[in-house]
């Protein structure tokens, strides 16, 4: 395990952007597999591989680049590594970024699932508030730790590790009929 972690760190040093994007896409896919197998209890025979591929594509092309870019912007907006700076970063992240990100994620997944604009709006009205409230239970403490202790180039990885469970919830919520 230690060798795997060292390899990951070496790759993060050489190609941080690529590694962050691949990590995000992979872990959104893992979250969808967990959602289908543990939450929805579909079983392997009923597993929707196309859905997992769609969710992974959202991870590769939306989650990874957007969150990775956001952390760079946030580090420029709130400078410092103090507890106060970590608290400010968490507040800006959770008040400004999280609501927009969740809406976009749910909207994109609805579009990829073939929902009409009206159906997608209806689904957002139904699911957005629950997702945002759930977000506020989980992410503020994670982000305080992340912003205070974790270097910028590892923040997306920390978020994605915690997000395996979050992604399972979010992909279930995004794909719930």
N, C-alpha and C. Protein backbone atom coordinates (compact mmCIF):
# COMPACT_ATOMS: atom_id res chain seq x y z
N UNK A 1 0.83 -1.19 0.00
CA UNK A 1 0.00 0.00 0.00
C UNK A 1 0.87 1.25 0.00
N UNK A 2 1.96 1.21 0.77
CA UNK A 2 2.87 2.36 0.84
C UNK A 2 3.50 2.63 -0.51
N UNK A 3 3.85 1.58 -1.24
CA UNK A 3 4.45 1.75 -2.56
C UNK A 3 3.44 2.37 -3.53
N UNK A 4 2.19 1.95 -3.42
CA UNK A 4 1.14 2.51 -4.26
C UNK A 4 0.97 4.00 -3.98
N UNK A 5 0.97 4.37 -2.70
CA UNK A 5 0.85 5.78 -2.31
C UNK A 5 2.04 6.60 -2.83
N UNK A 6 3.26 6.05 -2.73
CA UNK A 6 4.44 6.76 -3.24
C UNK A 6 4.35 6.95 -4.75
N UNK A 7 3.88 5.93 -5.44
CA UNK A 7 3.71 6.05 -6.90
C UNK A 7 2.69 7.13 -7.24
N UNK A 8 1.61 7.14 -6.49
CA UNK A 8 0.58 8.16 -6.69
C UNK A 8 1.16 9.56 -6.47
N UNK A 9 1.92 9.73 -5.39
CA UNK A 9 2.52 11.03 -5.09
C UNK A 9 3.50 11.46 -6.18
N UNK A 10 4.28 10.50 -6.69
CA UNK A 10 5.23 10.82 -7.76
C UNK A 10 4.48 11.27 -9.01
N UNK A 11 3.41 10.57 -9.35
CA UNK A 11 2.59 10.98 -10.50
C UNK A 11 1.95 12.35 -10.28
N UNK A 12 1.49 12.59 -9.05
CA UNK A 12 0.88 13.89 -8.74
C UNK A 12 1.88 15.02 -8.92
N UNK A 13 3.13 14.76 -8.61
CA UNK A 13 4.17 15.78 -8.78
C UNK A 13 4.43 16.04 -10.25
N UNK A 14 4.46 14.99 -11.06
CA UNK A 14 4.77 15.12 -12.49
C UNK A 14 3.59 15.60 -13.32
N UNK A 15 2.42 15.06 -13.05
CA UNK A 15 1.24 15.34 -13.87
C UNK A 15 0.00 15.53 -12.99
N UNK A 16 -0.02 16.58 -12.16
CA UNK A 16 -1.12 16.73 -11.20
C UNK A 16 -2.50 16.84 -11.85
N UNK A 17 -2.59 17.61 -12.91
CA UNK A 17 -3.90 17.83 -13.55
C UNK A 17 -4.46 16.53 -14.10
N UNK A 18 -3.65 15.77 -14.83
CA UNK A 18 -4.11 14.51 -15.41
C UNK A 18 -4.50 13.51 -14.33
N UNK A 19 -3.68 13.40 -13.29
CA UNK A 19 -3.96 12.45 -12.22
C UNK A 19 -5.25 12.84 -11.50
N UNK A 20 -5.46 14.12 -11.26
CA UNK A 20 -6.68 14.57 -10.58
C UNK A 20 -7.92 14.22 -11.40
N UNK A 21 -7.84 14.42 -12.70
CA UNK A 21 -8.98 14.15 -13.57
C UNK A 21 -9.27 12.65 -13.64
N UNK A 22 -8.23 11.83 -13.80
CA UNK A 22 -8.41 10.39 -13.85
C UNK A 22 -8.94 9.86 -12.52
N UNK A 23 -8.40 10.39 -11.42
CA UNK A 23 -8.87 9.99 -10.09
C UNK A 23 -10.34 10.33 -9.92
N UNK A 24 -10.72 11.54 -10.29
CA UNK A 24 -12.12 11.97 -10.13
C UNK A 24 -13.05 11.09 -10.96
N UNK A 25 -12.73 10.88 -12.22
CA UNK A 25 -13.58 10.05 -13.07
C UNK A 25 -13.71 8.63 -12.57
N UNK A 26 -12.60 8.07 -12.14
CA UNK A 26 -12.60 6.69 -11.64
C UNK A 26 -13.45 6.57 -10.38
N UNK A 27 -13.29 7.52 -9.48
CA UNK A 27 -14.00 7.42 -8.21
C UNK A 27 -15.48 7.77 -8.34
N UNK A 28 -15.85 8.59 -9.30
CA UNK A 28 -17.29 8.78 -9.57
C UNK A 28 -17.86 7.47 -10.10
N UNK A 29 -17.09 6.78 -10.94
CA UNK A 29 -17.52 5.47 -11.43
C UNK A 29 -17.66 4.46 -10.31
N UNK A 30 -16.70 4.43 -9.40
CA UNK A 30 -16.78 3.53 -8.24
C UNK A 30 -18.02 3.86 -7.41
N UNK A 31 -18.28 5.16 -7.24
CA UNK A 31 -19.49 5.57 -6.50
C UNK A 31 -20.75 5.05 -7.16
N UNK A 32 -20.79 5.07 -8.49
CA UNK A 32 -21.98 4.57 -9.18
C UNK A 32 -22.11 3.07 -9.03
N UNK A 33 -21.00 2.35 -9.09
CA UNK A 33 -21.06 0.90 -8.88
C UNK A 33 -21.59 0.60 -7.47
N UNK A 34 -21.08 1.32 -6.48
CA UNK A 34 -21.57 1.14 -5.10
C UNK A 34 -23.06 1.46 -5.02
N UNK A 35 -23.48 2.54 -5.68
CA UNK A 35 -24.90 2.92 -5.66
C UNK A 35 -25.76 1.81 -6.26
N UNK A 36 -25.34 1.30 -7.41
CA UNK A 36 -26.15 0.27 -8.07
C UNK A 36 -26.15 -1.05 -7.29
N UNK A 37 -25.01 -1.40 -6.70
CA UNK A 37 -24.91 -2.71 -6.05
C UNK A 37 -25.37 -2.70 -4.60
N UNK A 38 -25.03 -1.66 -3.84
CA UNK A 38 -25.35 -1.65 -2.41
C UNK A 38 -26.62 -0.89 -2.07
N UNK A 39 -26.86 0.24 -2.75
CA UNK A 39 -28.04 1.03 -2.43
C UNK A 39 -29.25 0.50 -3.20
N UNK A 40 -29.10 0.33 -4.50
CA UNK A 40 -30.21 -0.12 -5.34
C UNK A 40 -30.33 -1.64 -5.39
N UNK A 41 -29.30 -2.34 -4.98
CA UNK A 41 -29.27 -3.81 -4.94
C UNK A 41 -29.67 -4.44 -6.27
N UNK A 42 -29.04 -3.98 -7.34
CA UNK A 42 -29.37 -4.48 -8.68
C UNK A 42 -28.79 -5.87 -8.94
N UNK A 43 -27.66 -6.17 -8.35
CA UNK A 43 -26.97 -7.42 -8.68
C UNK A 43 -26.17 -7.23 -9.94
N UNK A 44 -25.19 -8.10 -10.13
CA UNK A 44 -24.29 -7.96 -11.28
C UNK A 44 -25.01 -8.11 -12.61
N UNK A 45 -25.99 -9.00 -12.67
CA UNK A 45 -26.71 -9.23 -13.93
C UNK A 45 -27.51 -8.01 -14.36
N UNK A 46 -27.98 -7.21 -13.41
CA UNK A 46 -28.79 -6.03 -13.72
C UNK A 46 -27.99 -4.73 -13.67
N UNK A 47 -26.68 -4.82 -13.48
CA UNK A 47 -25.86 -3.61 -13.39
C UNK A 47 -25.91 -2.86 -14.73
N UNK A 48 -26.15 -1.55 -14.67
CA UNK A 48 -26.23 -0.71 -15.87
C UNK A 48 -24.84 -0.14 -16.17
N UNK A 49 -24.13 -0.83 -17.03
CA UNK A 49 -22.75 -0.43 -17.37
C UNK A 49 -22.74 0.92 -18.09
N UNK A 50 -23.75 1.16 -18.92
CA UNK A 50 -23.82 2.45 -19.62
C UNK A 50 -23.97 3.60 -18.63
N UNK A 51 -24.76 3.39 -17.59
CA UNK A 51 -24.92 4.42 -16.56
C UNK A 51 -23.59 4.69 -15.87
N UNK A 52 -22.87 3.64 -15.52
CA UNK A 52 -21.57 3.81 -14.88
C UNK A 52 -20.63 4.57 -15.81
N UNK A 53 -20.65 4.24 -17.10
CA UNK A 53 -19.80 4.95 -18.07
C UNK A 53 -20.19 6.43 -18.16
N UNK A 54 -21.50 6.71 -18.14
CA UNK A 54 -21.95 8.11 -18.16
C UNK A 54 -21.46 8.85 -16.92
N UNK A 55 -21.59 8.21 -15.75
CA UNK A 55 -21.17 8.86 -14.52
C UNK A 55 -19.65 9.07 -14.52
N UNK A 56 -18.91 8.10 -15.03
CA UNK A 56 -17.46 8.27 -15.12
C UNK A 56 -17.11 9.44 -16.05
N UNK A 57 -17.85 9.57 -17.14
CA UNK A 57 -17.56 10.68 -18.07
C UNK A 57 -17.83 12.02 -17.39
N UNK A 58 -18.87 12.09 -16.56
CA UNK A 58 -19.12 13.31 -15.79
C UNK A 58 -17.93 13.56 -14.86
N UNK A 59 -17.40 12.50 -14.26
CA UNK A 59 -16.23 12.65 -13.39
C UNK A 59 -15.01 13.13 -14.14
N UNK A 60 -14.75 12.54 -15.32
CA UNK A 60 -13.58 12.91 -16.11
C UNK A 60 -13.68 14.33 -16.67
N UNK A 61 -14.84 14.68 -17.20
CA UNK A 61 -14.96 15.93 -17.95
C UNK A 61 -15.57 17.09 -17.18
N UNK A 62 -16.20 16.80 -16.04
CA UNK A 62 -16.80 17.87 -15.26
C UNK A 62 -16.22 17.92 -13.84
N UNK A 63 -16.39 16.86 -13.07
CA UNK A 63 -15.99 16.88 -11.66
C UNK A 63 -14.51 17.17 -11.50
N UNK A 64 -13.65 16.39 -12.15
CA UNK A 64 -12.21 16.57 -11.99
C UNK A 64 -11.72 17.95 -12.39
N UNK A 65 -12.00 18.38 -13.61
CA UNK A 65 -11.52 19.71 -14.02
C UNK A 65 -12.13 20.85 -13.22
N UNK A 66 -13.42 20.78 -12.92
CA UNK A 66 -14.08 21.88 -12.22
C UNK A 66 -13.59 21.99 -10.78
N UNK A 67 -13.58 20.87 -10.06
CA UNK A 67 -13.13 20.94 -8.66
C UNK A 67 -11.65 21.24 -8.58
N UNK A 68 -10.85 20.62 -9.44
CA UNK A 68 -9.41 20.92 -9.45
C UNK A 68 -9.14 22.40 -9.73
N UNK A 69 -9.83 22.95 -10.70
CA UNK A 69 -9.70 24.38 -11.01
C UNK A 69 -10.20 25.26 -9.88
N UNK A 70 -11.31 24.85 -9.26
CA UNK A 70 -11.88 25.62 -8.16
C UNK A 70 -10.89 25.73 -7.00
N UNK A 71 -10.21 24.64 -6.68
CA UNK A 71 -9.27 24.69 -5.57
C UNK A 71 -8.12 25.65 -5.85
N UNK A 72 -7.71 25.74 -7.10
CA UNK A 72 -6.66 26.71 -7.46
C UNK A 72 -7.18 28.14 -7.28
N UNK A 73 -8.39 28.40 -7.74
CA UNK A 73 -9.00 29.72 -7.59
C UNK A 73 -9.18 30.05 -6.10
N UNK A 74 -9.69 29.09 -5.35
CA UNK A 74 -9.93 29.31 -3.93
C UNK A 74 -8.64 29.60 -3.18
N UNK A 75 -7.55 28.95 -3.57
CA UNK A 75 -6.26 29.20 -2.93
C UNK A 75 -5.77 30.62 -3.22
N UNK A 76 -6.16 31.17 -4.34
CA UNK A 76 -5.79 32.56 -4.65
C UNK A 76 -6.72 33.56 -3.96
N UNK A 77 -7.98 33.17 -3.80
CA UNK A 77 -8.95 34.06 -3.15
C UNK A 77 -8.68 34.20 -1.65
N UNK A 78 -8.40 33.08 -1.00
CA UNK A 78 -8.16 33.08 0.44
C UNK A 78 -6.74 32.55 0.64
N UNK A 79 -5.85 33.44 1.00
CA UNK A 79 -4.44 33.10 1.12
C UNK A 79 -4.11 32.73 2.56
N UNK A 80 -3.28 31.70 2.71
CA UNK A 80 -2.79 31.34 4.03
C UNK A 80 -3.14 29.93 4.42
N UNK A 81 -2.44 29.45 5.44
CA UNK A 81 -2.64 28.10 5.91
C UNK A 81 -3.06 28.05 7.37
N UNK A 82 -3.61 29.14 7.86
CA UNK A 82 -4.03 29.19 9.26
C UNK A 82 -5.40 28.55 9.43
N UNK A 83 -5.79 28.36 10.68
CA UNK A 83 -7.13 27.82 10.95
C UNK A 83 -8.20 28.79 10.43
N UNK A 84 -7.96 30.08 10.60
CA UNK A 84 -8.91 31.08 10.11
C UNK A 84 -9.05 31.03 8.60
N UNK A 85 -7.93 30.89 7.90
CA UNK A 85 -7.98 30.80 6.44
C UNK A 85 -8.70 29.52 6.01
N UNK A 86 -8.46 28.42 6.72
CA UNK A 86 -9.15 27.16 6.39
C UNK A 86 -10.66 27.33 6.57
N UNK A 87 -11.05 28.02 7.62
CA UNK A 87 -12.48 28.25 7.87
C UNK A 87 -13.08 29.14 6.77
N UNK A 88 -12.35 30.18 6.36
CA UNK A 88 -12.83 31.04 5.28
C UNK A 88 -12.96 30.26 3.97
N UNK A 89 -11.96 29.43 3.67
CA UNK A 89 -12.01 28.62 2.45
C UNK A 89 -13.22 27.69 2.48
N UNK A 90 -13.45 27.05 3.63
CA UNK A 90 -14.59 26.15 3.74
C UNK A 90 -15.90 26.91 3.53
N UNK A 91 -16.01 28.09 4.13
CA UNK A 91 -17.25 28.86 3.98
C UNK A 91 -17.46 29.30 2.54
N UNK A 92 -16.42 29.80 1.89
CA UNK A 92 -16.55 30.20 0.48
C UNK A 92 -16.89 28.99 -0.37
N UNK A 93 -16.23 27.87 -0.10
CA UNK A 93 -16.48 26.64 -0.85
C UNK A 93 -17.92 26.19 -0.69
N UNK A 94 -18.41 26.18 0.53
CA UNK A 94 -19.74 25.64 0.79
C UNK A 94 -20.87 26.61 0.48
N UNK A 95 -20.62 27.91 0.57
CA UNK A 95 -21.67 28.89 0.29
C UNK A 95 -21.72 29.25 -1.20
N UNK A 96 -20.55 29.39 -1.83
CA UNK A 96 -20.52 29.84 -3.22
C UNK A 96 -20.44 28.69 -4.23
N UNK A 97 -19.56 27.74 -3.96
CA UNK A 97 -19.28 26.70 -4.95
C UNK A 97 -20.24 25.52 -4.88
N UNK A 98 -20.44 24.96 -3.69
CA UNK A 98 -21.22 23.72 -3.56
C UNK A 98 -22.63 23.82 -4.15
N UNK A 99 -23.39 24.89 -3.88
CA UNK A 99 -24.74 24.94 -4.47
C UNK A 99 -24.72 24.93 -6.00
N UNK A 100 -23.79 25.67 -6.59
CA UNK A 100 -23.70 25.71 -8.06
C UNK A 100 -23.24 24.37 -8.62
N UNK A 101 -22.23 23.80 -7.98
CA UNK A 101 -21.69 22.52 -8.44
C UNK A 101 -22.76 21.43 -8.41
N UNK A 102 -23.49 21.34 -7.30
CA UNK A 102 -24.53 20.30 -7.19
C UNK A 102 -25.61 20.47 -8.25
N UNK A 103 -26.04 21.70 -8.46
CA UNK A 103 -27.05 21.95 -9.49
C UNK A 103 -26.55 21.55 -10.86
N UNK A 104 -25.31 21.91 -11.16
CA UNK A 104 -24.73 21.55 -12.46
C UNK A 104 -24.59 20.04 -12.60
N UNK A 105 -24.10 19.39 -11.55
CA UNK A 105 -23.93 17.93 -11.59
C UNK A 105 -25.26 17.24 -11.85
N UNK A 106 -26.27 17.60 -11.10
CA UNK A 106 -27.59 16.97 -11.28
C UNK A 106 -28.17 17.30 -12.66
N UNK A 107 -27.98 18.53 -13.12
CA UNK A 107 -28.47 18.91 -14.44
C UNK A 107 -27.77 18.17 -15.57
N UNK A 108 -26.45 18.05 -15.47
CA UNK A 108 -25.68 17.33 -16.49
C UNK A 108 -26.07 15.86 -16.51
N UNK A 109 -26.19 15.25 -15.33
CA UNK A 109 -26.56 13.83 -15.30
C UNK A 109 -27.97 13.63 -15.86
N UNK A 110 -28.87 14.55 -15.59
CA UNK A 110 -30.21 14.45 -16.16
C UNK A 110 -30.18 14.56 -17.68
N UNK A 111 -29.38 15.48 -18.19
CA UNK A 111 -29.25 15.63 -19.64
C UNK A 111 -28.66 14.37 -20.27
N UNK A 112 -27.61 13.81 -19.64
CA UNK A 112 -27.01 12.58 -20.17
C UNK A 112 -27.96 11.39 -20.08
N UNK A 113 -28.90 11.45 -19.16
CA UNK A 113 -29.89 10.39 -19.04
C UNK A 113 -31.07 10.60 -19.99
N UNK A 114 -31.01 11.64 -20.81
CA UNK A 114 -32.03 11.86 -21.82
C UNK A 114 -33.27 12.58 -21.35
N UNK A 115 -33.19 13.22 -20.19
CA UNK A 115 -34.36 13.97 -19.72
C UNK A 115 -34.58 15.22 -20.57
N UNK A 116 -35.82 15.54 -20.79
CA UNK A 116 -36.13 16.81 -21.47
C UNK A 116 -35.78 17.94 -20.51
N UNK A 117 -35.75 19.15 -21.02
CA UNK A 117 -35.44 20.30 -20.18
C UNK A 117 -36.45 20.40 -19.04
N UNK A 118 -37.74 20.23 -19.35
CA UNK A 118 -38.77 20.33 -18.32
C UNK A 118 -38.64 19.21 -17.29
N UNK A 119 -38.38 17.99 -17.75
CA UNK A 119 -38.20 16.88 -16.82
C UNK A 119 -36.96 17.08 -15.94
N UNK A 120 -35.92 17.63 -16.53
CA UNK A 120 -34.70 17.90 -15.79
C UNK A 120 -34.95 18.97 -14.71
N UNK A 121 -35.70 19.99 -15.04
CA UNK A 121 -36.04 21.03 -14.07
C UNK A 121 -36.88 20.44 -12.94
N UNK A 122 -37.85 19.60 -13.29
CA UNK A 122 -38.68 18.94 -12.28
C UNK A 122 -37.82 18.08 -11.36
N UNK A 123 -36.90 17.33 -11.94
CA UNK A 123 -36.00 16.48 -11.15
C UNK A 123 -35.12 17.33 -10.25
N UNK A 124 -34.60 18.44 -10.76
CA UNK A 124 -33.79 19.34 -9.93
C UNK A 124 -34.60 19.88 -8.75
N UNK A 125 -35.83 20.28 -9.02
CA UNK A 125 -36.69 20.78 -7.95
C UNK A 125 -36.92 19.72 -6.88
N UNK A 126 -37.03 18.48 -7.32
CA UNK A 126 -37.29 17.38 -6.39
C UNK A 126 -36.04 17.00 -5.58
N UNK A 127 -34.87 16.95 -6.23
CA UNK A 127 -33.69 16.35 -5.61
C UNK A 127 -32.65 17.34 -5.09
N UNK A 128 -32.65 18.56 -5.60
CA UNK A 128 -31.57 19.50 -5.28
C UNK A 128 -31.47 19.82 -3.79
N UNK A 129 -32.58 20.14 -3.15
CA UNK A 129 -32.55 20.53 -1.74
C UNK A 129 -32.03 19.40 -0.86
N UNK A 130 -32.51 18.18 -1.10
CA UNK A 130 -32.01 17.03 -0.33
C UNK A 130 -30.51 16.86 -0.51
N UNK A 131 -30.05 16.97 -1.75
CA UNK A 131 -28.62 16.81 -2.01
C UNK A 131 -27.81 17.91 -1.32
N UNK A 132 -28.30 19.14 -1.36
CA UNK A 132 -27.57 20.24 -0.73
C UNK A 132 -27.53 20.08 0.79
N UNK A 133 -28.63 19.69 1.40
CA UNK A 133 -28.65 19.46 2.85
C UNK A 133 -27.68 18.33 3.22
N UNK A 134 -27.71 17.25 2.46
CA UNK A 134 -26.79 16.14 2.71
C UNK A 134 -25.34 16.60 2.55
N UNK A 135 -25.10 17.44 1.55
CA UNK A 135 -23.77 18.02 1.35
C UNK A 135 -23.30 18.75 2.60
N UNK A 136 -24.19 19.53 3.21
CA UNK A 136 -23.81 20.33 4.38
C UNK A 136 -23.56 19.48 5.63
N UNK A 137 -24.11 18.28 5.67
CA UNK A 137 -23.80 17.38 6.78
C UNK A 137 -22.38 16.81 6.65
N UNK A 138 -21.97 16.53 5.42
CA UNK A 138 -20.70 15.84 5.20
C UNK A 138 -19.50 16.77 4.98
N UNK A 139 -19.65 17.73 4.07
CA UNK A 139 -18.47 18.41 3.54
C UNK A 139 -17.83 19.49 4.39
N UNK A 140 -18.53 20.28 5.19
CA UNK A 140 -17.82 21.30 5.96
C UNK A 140 -16.68 20.76 6.84
N UNK A 141 -16.89 19.70 7.63
CA UNK A 141 -15.74 19.22 8.41
C UNK A 141 -14.62 18.64 7.55
N UNK A 142 -14.99 17.96 6.48
CA UNK A 142 -13.97 17.41 5.58
C UNK A 142 -13.14 18.55 4.98
N UNK A 143 -13.82 19.60 4.55
CA UNK A 143 -13.11 20.70 3.90
C UNK A 143 -12.24 21.50 4.86
N UNK A 144 -12.65 21.65 6.10
CA UNK A 144 -11.79 22.34 7.07
C UNK A 144 -10.48 21.59 7.22
N UNK A 145 -10.57 20.27 7.40
CA UNK A 145 -9.36 19.45 7.49
C UNK A 145 -8.56 19.55 6.20
N UNK A 146 -9.25 19.44 5.07
CA UNK A 146 -8.59 19.48 3.77
C UNK A 146 -7.85 20.80 3.56
N UNK A 147 -8.48 21.91 3.85
CA UNK A 147 -7.87 23.21 3.60
C UNK A 147 -6.77 23.54 4.61
N UNK A 148 -6.81 22.96 5.78
CA UNK A 148 -5.82 23.28 6.81
C UNK A 148 -4.59 22.37 6.75
N UNK A 149 -4.78 21.09 6.46
CA UNK A 149 -3.68 20.13 6.55
C UNK A 149 -3.15 19.64 5.21
N UNK A 150 -3.93 19.71 4.14
CA UNK A 150 -3.58 19.04 2.89
C UNK A 150 -3.04 20.04 1.87
N UNK A 151 -1.89 19.74 1.25
CA UNK A 151 -1.36 20.62 0.20
C UNK A 151 -2.31 20.68 -1.00
N UNK A 152 -2.28 21.80 -1.70
CA UNK A 152 -3.20 22.05 -2.81
C UNK A 152 -3.26 20.89 -3.80
N UNK A 153 -2.12 20.36 -4.21
CA UNK A 153 -2.14 19.33 -5.26
C UNK A 153 -2.70 17.99 -4.79
N UNK A 154 -2.96 17.82 -3.49
CA UNK A 154 -3.58 16.59 -3.00
C UNK A 154 -5.03 16.78 -2.57
N UNK A 155 -5.53 18.00 -2.62
CA UNK A 155 -6.89 18.25 -2.10
C UNK A 155 -7.97 17.52 -2.87
N UNK A 156 -7.87 17.50 -4.19
CA UNK A 156 -8.89 16.80 -4.97
C UNK A 156 -8.88 15.31 -4.63
N UNK A 157 -7.69 14.74 -4.42
CA UNK A 157 -7.61 13.32 -4.07
C UNK A 157 -8.27 13.05 -2.72
N UNK A 158 -8.04 13.91 -1.74
CA UNK A 158 -8.67 13.74 -0.43
C UNK A 158 -10.18 13.82 -0.58
N UNK A 159 -10.63 14.80 -1.31
CA UNK A 159 -12.06 14.96 -1.53
C UNK A 159 -12.62 13.72 -2.23
N UNK A 160 -11.92 13.19 -3.20
CA UNK A 160 -12.44 12.05 -3.94
C UNK A 160 -12.44 10.78 -3.11
N UNK A 161 -11.49 10.64 -2.18
CA UNK A 161 -11.51 9.47 -1.29
C UNK A 161 -12.76 9.52 -0.42
N UNK A 162 -13.01 10.67 0.18
CA UNK A 162 -14.22 10.83 0.99
C UNK A 162 -15.46 10.71 0.10
N UNK A 163 -15.29 11.18 -1.13
CA UNK A 163 -16.43 11.24 -2.03
C UNK A 163 -16.86 9.90 -2.60
N UNK A 164 -16.13 8.83 -2.33
CA UNK A 164 -16.62 7.53 -2.81
C UNK A 164 -18.03 7.31 -2.26
N UNK A 165 -18.19 7.52 -0.96
CA UNK A 165 -19.53 7.38 -0.36
C UNK A 165 -20.46 8.47 -0.88
N UNK A 166 -19.96 9.71 -0.96
CA UNK A 166 -20.77 10.82 -1.46
C UNK A 166 -21.19 10.57 -2.90
N UNK A 167 -20.26 10.08 -3.73
CA UNK A 167 -20.58 9.79 -5.13
C UNK A 167 -21.63 8.70 -5.24
N UNK A 168 -21.57 7.73 -4.35
CA UNK A 168 -22.61 6.68 -4.36
C UNK A 168 -23.97 7.31 -4.11
N UNK A 169 -24.04 8.19 -3.11
CA UNK A 169 -25.29 8.89 -2.81
C UNK A 169 -25.70 9.77 -4.00
N UNK A 170 -24.76 10.55 -4.52
CA UNK A 170 -25.08 11.51 -5.56
C UNK A 170 -25.48 10.83 -6.87
N UNK A 171 -24.79 9.74 -7.23
CA UNK A 171 -25.18 9.05 -8.46
C UNK A 171 -26.53 8.36 -8.30
N UNK A 172 -26.79 7.85 -7.09
CA UNK A 172 -28.12 7.28 -6.82
C UNK A 172 -29.17 8.37 -6.96
N UNK A 173 -28.91 9.54 -6.36
CA UNK A 173 -29.87 10.65 -6.39
C UNK A 173 -30.05 11.14 -7.83
N UNK A 174 -28.94 11.24 -8.58
CA UNK A 174 -29.00 11.75 -9.95
C UNK A 174 -29.72 10.78 -10.89
N UNK A 175 -29.68 9.50 -10.59
CA UNK A 175 -30.28 8.51 -11.49
C UNK A 175 -31.59 7.94 -10.98
N UNK A 176 -32.06 8.44 -9.85
CA UNK A 176 -33.34 7.99 -9.29
C UNK A 176 -34.47 8.47 -10.19
N UNK A 177 -35.33 7.58 -10.55
CA UNK A 177 -36.43 7.92 -11.47
C UNK A 177 -37.53 8.61 -10.68
